[in-house]
Amino acid sequence: MKRLRLLGGICLPITLFLASLAMPLALRAQDLTTTANLSGTVTDSTGAVVAQATVIISGVDNGVVRTVKTDTVGGYNVPLLPPPRTT
């Protein structure tokens, strides 16, 4: 019983220590995200969805232009958009 209690007392600190080592890696991985996805639904003035509408996404500061068509339920998705330029 003493041996089991000793293991329980050692395992928690070791686990917390190992988790603290992994934390900077997880935070660093978030810094590596360099793209974004934009999605939505196109509707008309009555609220009805608009299929096959052309959606143009323009990056004012970086010059990126993407054009997509909406699907049958008015939805669109524009993946891998680069981040805006910062000065």
C-alpha atoms as a PDB file:
ATOM      1  CA  MET A   1       0.000   0.000   0.000  1.00  0.00           C
ATOM      2  CA  LYS A   2       2.863   2.377   0.786  1.00  0.00           C
ATOM      3  CA  ARG A   3       4.434   1.692  -2.600  1.00  0.00           C
ATOM      4  CA  LEU A   4       1.170   2.502  -4.377  1.00  0.00           C
ATOM      5  CA  ARG A   5       0.773   5.730  -2.407  1.00  0.00           C
ATOM      6  CA  LEU A   6       4.349   6.705  -3.247  1.00  0.00           C
ATOM      7  CA  LEU A   7       3.738   6.129  -6.968  1.00  0.00           C
ATOM      8  CA  GLY A   8       0.603   8.248  -6.828  1.00  0.00           C
ATOM      9  CA  GLY A   9       2.555  11.032  -5.158  1.00  0.00           C
ATOM     10  CA  ILE A  10       5.281  10.948  -7.811  1.00  0.00           C
ATOM     11  CA  CYS A  11       3.126  10.497 -10.916  1.00  0.00           C
ATOM     12  CA  LEU A  12       1.167  13.730 -10.580  1.00  0.00           C
ATOM     13  CA  PRO A  13       4.205  16.023 -10.333  1.00  0.00           C
ATOM     14  CA  ILE A  14       5.888  14.221 -13.234  1.00  0.00           C
ATOM     15  CA  THR A  15       2.741  14.496 -15.343  1.00  0.00           C
ATOM     16  CA  LEU A  16       2.421  18.207 -14.600  1.00  0.00           C
ATOM     17  CA  PHE A  17       6.085  18.750 -15.421  1.00  0.00           C
ATOM     18  CA  LEU A  18       5.779  16.961 -18.769  1.00  0.00           C
ATOM     19  CA  ALA A  19       2.606  18.891 -19.584  1.00  0.00           C
ATOM     20  CA  SER A  20       4.411  22.161 -18.862  1.00  0.00           C
ATOM     21  CA  LEU A  21       7.133  21.170 -21.317  1.00  0.00           C
ATOM     22  CA  ALA A  22       4.560  20.524 -24.043  1.00  0.00           C
ATOM     23  CA  MET A  23       2.724  23.812 -23.476  1.00  0.00           C
ATOM     24  CA  PRO A  24       5.204  26.064 -25.369  1.00  0.00           C
ATOM     25  CA  LEU A  25       5.026  23.686 -28.339  1.00  0.00           C
ATOM     26  CA  ALA A  26       1.247  23.958 -28.453  1.00  0.00           C
ATOM     27  CA  LEU A  27       1.381  27.752 -28.226  1.00  0.00           C
ATOM     28  CA  ARG A  28       4.060  27.894 -30.909  1.00  0.00           C
ATOM     29  CA  ALA A  29       1.899  25.812 -33.265  1.00  0.00           C
ATOM     30  CA  GLN A  30      -0.781  28.505 -33.080  1.00  0.00           C
ATOM     31  CA  ASP A  31       1.748  31.065 -34.323  1.00  0.00           C
ATOM     32  CA  LEU A  32       2.327  28.982 -37.445  1.00  0.00           C
ATOM     33  CA  THR A  33      -1.244  29.432 -38.677  1.00  0.00           C
ATOM     34  CA  THR A  34      -0.878  31.715 -41.660  1.00  0.00           C
ATOM     35  CA  THR A  35      -4.170  31.233 -43.508  1.00  0.00           C
ATOM     36  CA  ALA A  36      -7.864  31.649 -42.855  1.00  0.00           C
ATOM     37  CA  ASN A  37     -11.105  30.302 -44.270  1.00  0.00           C
ATOM     38  CA  LEU A  38     -14.070  32.514 -45.062  1.00  0.00           C
ATOM     39  CA  SER A  39     -17.526  31.012 -45.487  1.00  0.00           C
ATOM     40  CA  GLY A  40     -21.099  32.212 -45.563  1.00  0.00           C
ATOM     41  CA  THR A  41     -24.435  32.179 -47.319  1.00  0.00           C
ATOM     42  CA  VAL A  42     -25.678  34.571 -49.984  1.00  0.00           C
ATOM     43  CA  THR A  43     -29.332  35.615 -49.717  1.00  0.00           C
ATOM     44  CA  ASP A  44     -31.476  38.081 -51.607  1.00  0.00           C
ATOM     45  CA  SER A  45     -33.591  40.876 -50.124  1.00  0.00           C
ATOM     46  CA  THR A  46     -36.403  38.416 -49.298  1.00  0.00           C
ATOM     47  CA  GLY A  47     -34.049  36.089 -47.420  1.00  0.00           C
ATOM     48  CA  ALA A  48     -34.052  33.392 -50.119  1.00  0.00           C
ATOM     49  CA  VAL A  49     -30.705  31.742 -50.813  1.00  0.00           C
ATOM     50  CA  VAL A  50     -28.983  32.550 -54.100  1.00  0.00           C
ATOM     51  CA  ALA A  51     -27.491  29.547 -55.879  1.00  0.00           C
ATOM     52  CA  GLN A  52     -24.591  30.024 -58.306  1.00  0.00           C
ATOM     53  CA  ALA A  53     -23.954  33.613 -57.188  1.00  0.00           C
ATOM     54  CA  THR A  54     -20.447  34.934 -57.736  1.00  0.00           C
ATOM     55  CA  VAL A  55     -18.624  35.901 -54.542  1.00  0.00           C
ATOM     56  CA  ILE A  56     -15.468  38.001 -54.866  1.00  0.00           C
ATOM     57  CA  ILE A  57     -13.118  38.337 -51.900  1.00  0.00           C
ATOM     58  CA  SER A  58     -10.590  41.177 -52.216  1.00  0.00           C
ATOM     59  CA  GLY A  59      -7.677  41.801 -49.875  1.00  0.00           C
ATOM     60  CA  VAL A  60      -7.371  45.576 -49.867  1.00  0.00           C
ATOM     61  CA  ASP A  61      -3.943  45.609 -48.249  1.00  0.00           C
ATOM     62  CA  ASN A  62      -2.378  42.547 -49.914  1.00  0.00           C
ATOM     63  CA  GLY A  63      -3.986  42.533 -53.367  1.00  0.00           C
ATOM     64  CA  VAL A  64      -5.338  38.984 -53.074  1.00  0.00           C
ATOM     65  CA  VAL A  65      -8.527  38.391 -55.069  1.00  0.00           C
ATOM     66  CA  ARG A  66     -10.499  35.139 -54.888  1.00  0.00           C
ATOM     67  CA  THR A  67     -13.675  34.369 -56.803  1.00  0.00           C
ATOM     68  CA  VAL A  68     -16.030  31.491 -55.969  1.00  0.00           C
ATOM     69  CA  LYS A  69     -19.610  30.472 -56.835  1.00  0.00           C
ATOM     70  CA  THR A  70     -22.215  29.619 -54.237  1.00  0.00           C
ATOM     71  CA  ASP A  71     -23.555  26.081 -54.059  1.00  0.00           C
ATOM     72  CA  THR A  72     -27.184  25.003 -54.470  1.00  0.00           C
ATOM     73  CA  VAL A  73     -28.114  26.328 -51.013  1.00  0.00           C
ATOM     74  CA  GLY A  74     -26.284  29.660 -51.385  1.00  0.00           C
ATOM     75  CA  GLY A  75     -23.232  28.620 -49.386  1.00  0.00           C
ATOM     76  CA  TYR A  76     -19.639  29.432 -50.198  1.00  0.00           C
ATOM     77  CA  ASN A  77     -16.227  28.673 -48.734  1.00  0.00           C
ATOM     78  CA  VAL A  78     -12.961  30.392 -49.549  1.00  0.00           C
ATOM     79  CA  PRO A  79     -10.055  28.467 -47.990  1.00  0.00           C
ATOM     80  CA  LEU A  80      -6.399  29.376 -47.527  1.00  0.00           C
ATOM     81  CA  LEU A  81      -6.719  33.148 -47.439  1.00  0.00           C
ATOM     82  CA  PRO A  82      -3.415  34.800 -46.526  1.00  0.00           C
ATOM     83  CA  PRO A  83      -3.278  37.177 -43.564  1.00  0.00           C
ATOM     84  CA  PRO A  84      -3.298  40.926 -44.128  1.00  0.00           C
ATOM     85  CA  ARG A  85      -0.004  42.771 -44.289  1.00  0.00           C
ATOM     86  CA  THR A  86       1.063  44.531 -41.140  1.00  0.00           C
ATOM     87  CA  THR A  87       3.221  47.616 -40.972  1.00  0.00           C
END
